[in-house]
Protein backbone atom coordinates (compact mmCIF):
# COMPACT_ATOMS: atom_id res chain seq x y z
CA MET A 1 80.59 59.85 193.90
CA VAL A 2 81.25 58.04 190.63
CA LYS A 3 79.16 54.88 190.17
CA LYS A 4 80.42 51.81 188.33
CA LEU A 5 77.90 49.95 186.21
CA SER A 6 77.85 46.49 184.68
CA ILE A 7 77.30 46.33 180.93
CA GLY A 8 73.63 45.45 181.38
CA ASP A 9 72.96 48.37 183.72
CA PHE A 10 75.07 50.70 181.58
CA LEU A 11 73.08 49.91 178.42
CA HIS A 12 69.81 50.27 180.31
CA GLN A 13 70.85 53.70 181.57
CA ALA A 14 72.08 54.63 178.08
CA GLN A 15 68.49 54.54 176.83
CA ALA A 16 67.89 57.79 178.71
CA LEU A 17 71.34 59.28 179.41
CA PRO A 18 74.13 60.54 177.13
CA VAL A 19 77.15 58.29 176.72
CA ILE A 20 80.61 59.86 176.53
CA ASP A 21 83.36 57.87 174.81
CA VAL A 22 86.74 59.18 175.99
CA ARG A 23 88.83 56.93 173.73
CA SER A 24 90.92 58.53 170.98
CA PRO A 25 89.25 59.85 167.79
CA GLY A 26 90.73 56.96 165.82
CA GLU A 27 89.28 54.35 168.17
CA PHE A 28 85.89 56.06 168.06
CA ALA A 29 85.88 56.41 164.27
CA HIS A 30 86.60 52.71 163.83
CA ALA A 31 83.69 51.60 166.00
CA HIS A 32 81.73 52.82 169.00
CA ILE A 33 78.52 52.38 170.96
CA PRO A 34 75.81 53.80 168.64
CA GLY A 35 74.67 57.18 169.92
CA ALA A 36 77.78 57.79 172.00
CA VAL A 37 79.49 61.18 171.87
CA SER A 38 83.25 61.38 171.38
CA ILE A 39 85.08 63.58 173.89
CA PRO A 40 88.59 62.12 173.68
CA LEU A 41 90.89 62.47 176.64
CA PHE A 42 93.85 62.25 174.20
CA ASP A 43 93.96 62.84 170.46
CA ASN A 44 95.45 60.10 168.29
CA ASP A 45 99.01 61.41 168.49
CA GLU A 46 98.85 62.03 172.24
CA ARG A 47 97.55 58.53 172.86
CA ALA A 48 100.48 57.11 170.89
CA GLN A 49 102.96 59.21 172.85
CA VAL A 50 101.54 58.14 176.22
CA GLY A 51 101.56 54.50 175.15
CA THR A 52 105.18 54.73 174.05
CA LYS A 53 106.16 56.44 177.31
CA TYR A 54 104.44 53.69 179.29
CA LYS A 55 106.40 50.99 177.47
CA GLN A 56 109.71 52.81 177.72
CA ALA A 57 109.58 54.44 181.15
CA GLY A 58 106.69 52.90 183.06
CA LYS A 59 103.32 53.95 184.38
CA ASP A 60 104.38 56.92 186.50
CA SER A 61 106.15 58.66 183.63
CA ALA A 62 103.23 57.98 181.31
CA VAL A 63 100.78 59.43 183.82
CA LEU A 64 102.83 62.62 184.17
CA LEU A 65 103.03 63.02 180.42
CA GLY A 66 99.30 62.46 180.11
CA LEU A 67 98.53 65.00 182.82
CA GLY A 68 100.54 67.60 181.01
CA MET A 69 98.57 66.98 177.84
CA VAL A 70 95.15 66.90 179.51
CA GLY A 71 95.59 69.85 181.89
CA PRO A 72 94.71 72.65 179.44
CA LYS A 73 91.62 70.75 178.25
CA LEU A 74 89.92 70.17 181.61
CA ALA A 75 87.52 73.11 181.53
CA ASP A 76 86.46 72.29 177.98
CA PHE A 77 85.80 68.67 178.95
CA VAL A 78 83.39 69.87 181.62
CA ARG A 79 81.68 72.36 179.30
CA GLN A 80 81.15 69.75 176.58
CA SER A 81 79.82 67.22 179.05
CA ARG A 82 77.39 69.65 180.69
CA ARG A 83 75.91 70.56 177.31
CA LEU A 84 74.90 66.95 176.75
CA ASN A 85 72.45 66.98 179.67
CA PRO A 86 72.10 70.52 181.04
CA GLN A 87 68.97 69.80 183.13
CA GLN A 88 69.78 66.51 184.86
CA LYS A 89 73.56 66.93 184.69
CA GLU A 90 73.98 63.16 184.55
CA VAL A 91 76.15 61.29 182.05
CA LEU A 92 77.72 57.91 181.38
CA VAL A 93 81.43 57.57 180.59
CA HIS A 94 83.55 54.76 179.18
CA CYS A 95 86.99 54.11 177.72
CA TRP A 96 88.53 50.93 176.28
CA ARG A 97 88.94 48.78 179.42
CA GLY A 98 87.19 50.88 182.05
CA GLY A 99 90.49 51.99 183.50
CA MET A 100 92.41 55.22 183.93
CA ARG A 101 90.98 57.23 181.05
CA SER A 102 87.32 56.88 182.01
CA GLY A 103 88.14 56.96 185.72
CA SER A 104 90.02 60.25 185.42
CA PHE A 105 87.39 61.81 183.21
CA ALA A 106 84.58 60.72 185.53
CA TRP A 107 86.46 62.09 188.58
CA LEU A 108 86.75 65.46 186.82
CA LEU A 109 83.04 65.61 185.98
CA ASP A 110 82.08 64.48 189.50
CA THR A 111 84.27 67.22 190.94
CA ALA A 112 82.52 69.71 188.65
CA GLY A 113 79.09 68.72 189.99
CA LEU A 114 77.86 66.22 187.42
CA THR A 115 76.44 62.79 188.27
CA VAL A 116 78.65 60.23 186.55
CA SER A 117 78.67 56.48 186.03
CA THR A 118 81.39 54.48 184.30
CA LEU A 119 81.28 51.13 182.52
CA VAL A 120 83.06 48.27 184.27
CA GLY A 121 85.31 46.68 181.66
CA GLY A 122 84.83 49.57 179.25
CA TYR A 123 84.17 49.24 175.53
CA LYS A 124 85.74 45.78 175.64
CA ALA A 125 82.90 44.61 177.91
CA TYR A 126 80.42 46.11 175.48
CA ARG A 127 81.98 44.21 172.58
CA ASN A 128 81.77 40.96 174.50
CA ALA A 129 78.08 41.62 175.09
CA VAL A 130 77.57 42.34 171.38
CA LEU A 131 79.12 39.08 170.25
CA ASP A 132 77.42 37.01 172.96
CA ALA A 133 73.98 38.39 172.06
CA PHE A 134 73.87 36.90 168.57
CA ALA A 135 74.16 33.38 169.97
CA GLN A 136 70.84 33.86 171.79
CA PRO A 137 68.16 32.09 169.72
CA ARG A 138 65.58 34.25 168.02
CA GLN A 139 62.63 33.43 165.81
CA LEU A 140 63.99 34.62 162.48
CA ILE A 141 62.27 34.65 159.10
CA ILE A 142 64.41 35.30 156.06
CA LEU A 143 62.97 37.34 153.21
CA GLY A 144 64.45 35.87 150.05
CA GLY A 145 64.16 36.87 146.43
CA LYS A 146 66.22 37.52 143.35
CA THR A 147 67.93 40.84 142.69
CA GLY A 148 65.46 43.60 141.90
CA SER A 149 62.55 42.05 143.79
CA GLY A 150 62.24 45.11 146.04
CA LYS A 151 62.97 43.26 149.27
CA THR A 152 64.20 46.38 151.09
CA ASP A 153 60.91 48.18 150.38
CA MET A 154 59.06 45.08 151.54
CA LEU A 155 60.98 45.15 154.82
CA HIS A 156 60.07 48.79 155.31
CA GLU A 157 56.41 47.96 154.71
CA LEU A 158 56.62 45.09 157.18
CA VAL A 159 57.77 47.60 159.79
CA ARG A 160 54.84 49.88 158.96
CA GLN A 161 52.50 46.96 159.44
CA GLY A 162 53.85 46.17 162.89
CA GLU A 163 56.51 43.55 162.20
CA GLN A 164 60.02 43.44 163.66
CA VAL A 165 62.80 43.92 161.10
CA ILE A 166 66.57 44.26 161.02
CA ASP A 167 67.63 45.93 157.77
CA LEU A 168 71.16 44.60 157.31
CA GLU A 169 71.72 46.37 154.00
CA GLY A 170 70.57 49.65 155.49
CA LEU A 171 72.97 49.28 158.42
CA ALA A 172 75.81 48.26 156.08
CA HIS A 173 75.10 51.07 153.58
CA HIS A 174 75.29 48.55 150.78
CA LYS A 175 72.77 46.66 148.62
CA GLY A 176 74.90 43.56 148.32
CA SER A 177 75.84 43.47 144.62
CA SER A 178 78.65 45.02 142.59
CA TYR A 179 76.28 47.97 142.17
CA GLY A 180 75.35 47.96 145.84
CA ALA A 181 77.52 50.87 147.00
CA ILE A 182 76.18 53.30 144.39
CA GLY A 183 74.27 56.13 146.04
CA GLN A 184 75.16 54.91 149.54
CA GLN A 185 77.17 56.41 152.38
CA ALA A 186 80.60 54.98 153.16
CA GLN A 187 80.37 51.57 154.78
CA PRO A 188 81.13 51.17 158.48
CA ALA A 189 83.86 48.85 159.69
CA THR A 190 82.59 45.33 160.36
CA GLU A 191 83.00 45.94 164.11
CA HIS A 192 80.72 48.97 164.01
CA PHE A 193 78.29 47.11 161.71
CA GLU A 194 78.01 44.49 164.46
CA ASN A 195 77.37 47.25 167.01
CA LEU A 196 74.59 48.67 164.86
CA ILE A 197 72.95 45.26 164.46
CA PHE A 198 73.21 44.73 168.23
CA GLN A 199 71.47 48.06 168.84
CA ASP A 200 68.45 46.82 166.86
CA TRP A 201 68.75 43.28 168.23
CA GLN A 202 68.45 44.34 171.87
CA ARG A 203 65.52 46.66 171.20
CA LEU A 204 63.35 43.95 169.64
CA ASP A 205 60.96 41.69 171.54
CA PRO A 206 62.76 38.31 171.75
CA HIS A 207 59.42 36.48 171.81
CA ARG A 208 58.26 37.81 168.45
CA ARG A 209 59.51 36.98 164.97
CA ILE A 210 62.19 39.07 163.30
CA TRP A 211 62.49 39.50 159.53
CA LEU A 212 65.87 39.83 157.81
CA GLU A 213 66.77 39.89 154.14
CA ASP A 214 68.58 36.88 152.72
CA GLU A 215 72.25 37.86 152.46
CA SER A 216 75.66 36.43 151.77
CA ARG A 217 77.91 36.36 154.84
CA ASN A 218 79.27 39.72 153.67
CA VAL A 219 77.24 42.78 152.75
CA GLY A 220 79.79 44.71 150.74
CA SER A 221 82.81 44.93 153.02
CA CYS A 222 80.77 44.28 156.20
CA PHE A 223 80.53 40.76 157.59
CA ILE A 224 77.48 39.43 159.44
CA PRO A 225 78.45 38.03 162.87
CA MET A 226 78.89 34.26 162.56
CA PRO A 227 76.37 33.30 165.29
CA LEU A 228 73.71 35.47 163.62
CA TRP A 229 74.66 34.14 160.19
CA GLN A 230 74.24 30.58 161.43
CA GLN A 231 70.79 31.41 162.81
CA MET A 232 69.86 33.02 159.49
CA ARG A 233 70.96 29.97 157.51
CA ALA A 234 68.81 27.72 159.69
CA ALA A 235 65.73 29.95 159.54
CA PRO A 236 62.71 29.51 157.25
CA VAL A 237 62.81 31.50 154.01
CA ALA A 238 59.92 33.40 152.46
CA PHE A 239 61.07 33.45 148.84
CA VAL A 240 59.20 36.14 146.93
CA ASP A 241 59.22 34.97 143.32
CA VAL A 242 58.95 38.14 141.23
CA PRO A 243 58.94 37.98 137.39
CA LYS A 244 62.11 39.16 135.70
CA SER A 245 60.26 41.83 133.70
CA VAL A 246 59.00 43.42 136.91
CA ARG A 247 62.46 43.33 138.44
CA ILE A 248 64.03 44.93 135.37
CA GLN A 249 61.55 47.79 135.57
CA ARG A 250 62.36 48.36 139.25
CA LEU A 251 66.12 48.33 138.64
CA VAL A 252 65.78 50.82 135.81
CA GLN A 253 63.89 53.16 138.15
CA GLU A 254 66.46 52.74 140.93
CA TYR A 255 69.57 53.33 138.83
CA THR A 256 68.43 55.88 136.26
CA GLY A 257 69.93 59.27 137.12
CA ILE A 258 72.85 57.78 139.08
CA ASP A 259 76.41 58.73 138.11
CA HIS A 260 76.88 56.92 134.81
CA ALA A 261 80.59 56.32 135.42
CA LEU A 262 79.81 54.40 138.59
CA LEU A 263 77.54 52.05 136.67
CA VAL A 264 80.34 51.43 134.17
CA GLU A 265 82.83 50.73 136.99
CA ALA A 266 80.42 48.33 138.71
CA THR A 267 79.86 46.45 135.45
CA GLU A 268 83.60 46.17 134.84
CA ARG A 269 84.08 44.73 138.36
CA ILE A 270 82.04 41.66 137.47
CA ARG A 271 83.53 41.17 133.98
CA ARG A 272 84.99 37.78 134.87
CA ARG A 273 81.65 36.60 136.23
CA LEU A 274 79.58 37.93 133.35
CA GLY A 275 82.00 36.86 130.64
CA GLY A 276 83.66 39.08 128.05
CA LYS A 277 80.84 39.21 125.50
CA VAL A 278 78.05 39.84 128.02
CA THR A 279 80.14 42.51 129.71
CA GLN A 280 80.76 44.27 126.40
CA ASP A 281 77.07 44.05 125.50
CA ALA A 282 76.20 45.57 128.87
CA LEU A 283 78.76 48.36 128.43
CA ASP A 284 77.41 49.09 124.94
CA ALA A 285 73.92 49.27 126.38
CA LEU A 286 75.14 51.64 129.09
CA ALA A 287 76.72 53.84 126.43
CA ASN A 288 73.27 54.10 124.84
CA PHE A 289 71.60 54.63 128.26
CA ASP A 290 69.67 51.42 127.69
CA TYR A 291 69.36 50.49 131.35
CA ALA A 292 66.74 47.80 130.73
CA THR A 293 69.17 45.79 128.63
CA VAL A 294 71.91 46.23 131.24
CA ALA A 295 69.55 44.95 133.93
CA ASP A 296 68.45 42.03 131.77
CA LEU A 297 72.03 40.96 131.04
CA THR A 298 73.34 41.28 134.59
CA LEU A 299 70.29 39.59 136.12
CA ASN A 300 71.16 36.43 134.23
CA TYR A 301 74.31 36.22 136.36
CA TYR A 302 72.79 37.41 139.64
CA ASP A 303 69.80 35.08 139.37
CA LYS A 304 72.05 32.05 138.87
CA ALA A 305 74.24 33.11 141.79
CA TYR A 306 71.28 33.65 144.10
CA LEU A 307 69.58 30.37 143.19
CA HIS A 308 72.86 28.55 143.78
CA GLY A 309 73.04 30.04 147.28
CA LEU A 310 69.41 29.13 147.89
CA SER A 311 70.13 25.54 146.84
CA GLN A 312 72.59 25.25 149.74
CA ARG A 313 69.76 25.66 152.24
CA ASP A 314 67.39 23.02 153.58
CA GLN A 315 64.84 22.91 150.76
CA ALA A 316 62.04 22.13 153.20
CA ALA A 317 62.62 25.54 154.79
CA ILE A 318 62.13 27.45 151.52
CA ASN A 319 58.62 28.72 150.91
CA ALA A 320 57.97 30.22 147.47
CA ILE A 321 55.49 33.08 147.42
CA PRO A 322 54.56 34.14 143.86
CA ILE A 323 54.43 37.93 143.43
CA SER A 324 53.21 39.31 140.10
CA VAL A 325 53.32 43.08 140.68
CA ASP A 326 55.71 45.56 142.29
CA ALA A 327 53.53 46.53 145.27
CA PRO A 328 55.60 46.30 148.49
CA ALA A 329 52.72 47.17 150.86
CA GLN A 330 50.51 44.50 149.33
CA THR A 331 53.35 41.97 149.39
CA ALA A 332 54.09 42.76 153.04
CA THR A 333 50.48 42.00 153.94
CA GLN A 334 50.73 38.73 152.04
CA LEU A 335 53.96 37.85 153.85
CA ILE A 336 52.40 38.50 157.26
CA GLU A 337 49.40 36.34 156.40
CA TRP A 338 51.75 33.58 155.27
CA ALA A 339 53.89 33.81 158.43
CA ASP A 340 50.82 33.78 160.66
CA SER A 341 49.71 30.55 159.03
CA GLN A 342 52.98 28.71 159.72
CA SER A 343 53.77 26.46 162.66
CA PHE A 344 56.69 28.69 163.64
CA ALA A 345 54.43 31.74 164.07
CA GLY A 346 54.17 31.34 167.86
CA ALA A 347 56.56 32.80 170.41
CA LEU A 348 59.79 31.02 171.29
């Protein structure tokens, strides 16, 4: 017998059981529940054909067309599903709205001897849960600092020292500047970015503080969900104030050895912001592989832009923490000691 689960129960079960997404490959590629496995009932073209038939000739004709397409695939659906959990033979299944696609697929697996549960409301219910979650108040601390401060490494060290962290740039595959995509994987769609944040969000203890890096609303092409963004803007900021010379050295280490043409393209993208002369000086420095000069010139722009954004916050919430050396583990310890000393250090 196929069980139907609410989104809360479905996500709880998904911690231990495989999730099968039977939507089309295109729907899955755009965004999906992290960790789900795509076993599409219809491929992209078949889904379009069934949808057209439904509009033109009604449900019965669309169902018959769909059955003809799915029939030869039935045995393979069962084989793929069994491989996901060969011992327990239990899986979770969902489609877009929790309707015919997931219901038919679950019936097939149930008939073949698997234990199956479907998601009431489908992926749409999951998306509603994602967006609702970010409105739930959390005790956030924002790690601020100018470009090249090493904030990502600091976040990683905070995790090692027992703190809760959501690495937005890691999830977005982008470091936030014109140079931010260099050396990164392709960015997810904003919808999937939200799903990835939600995956971390629901795993964290809501009664303990969560560290996030100070970001613009967009991280590359990915946008932070507005309710989360609003919480971030209202949260206290630990501003690590790292000398420019230290930041230049770190940037040189990070970008040396990267495809030179990509550095040129990234510099050209911010020509209007840098100004013609500064851009040309930076390009000349790149031609001579003088990365320190490139970093020095571009930091003049990025520092002004970051400080302008910081000025839009409540100044009473900004806490400057002077950092003289590039030592992320040491800085993380200092940040924890600072956070523990603040009035917001207790649980919500």
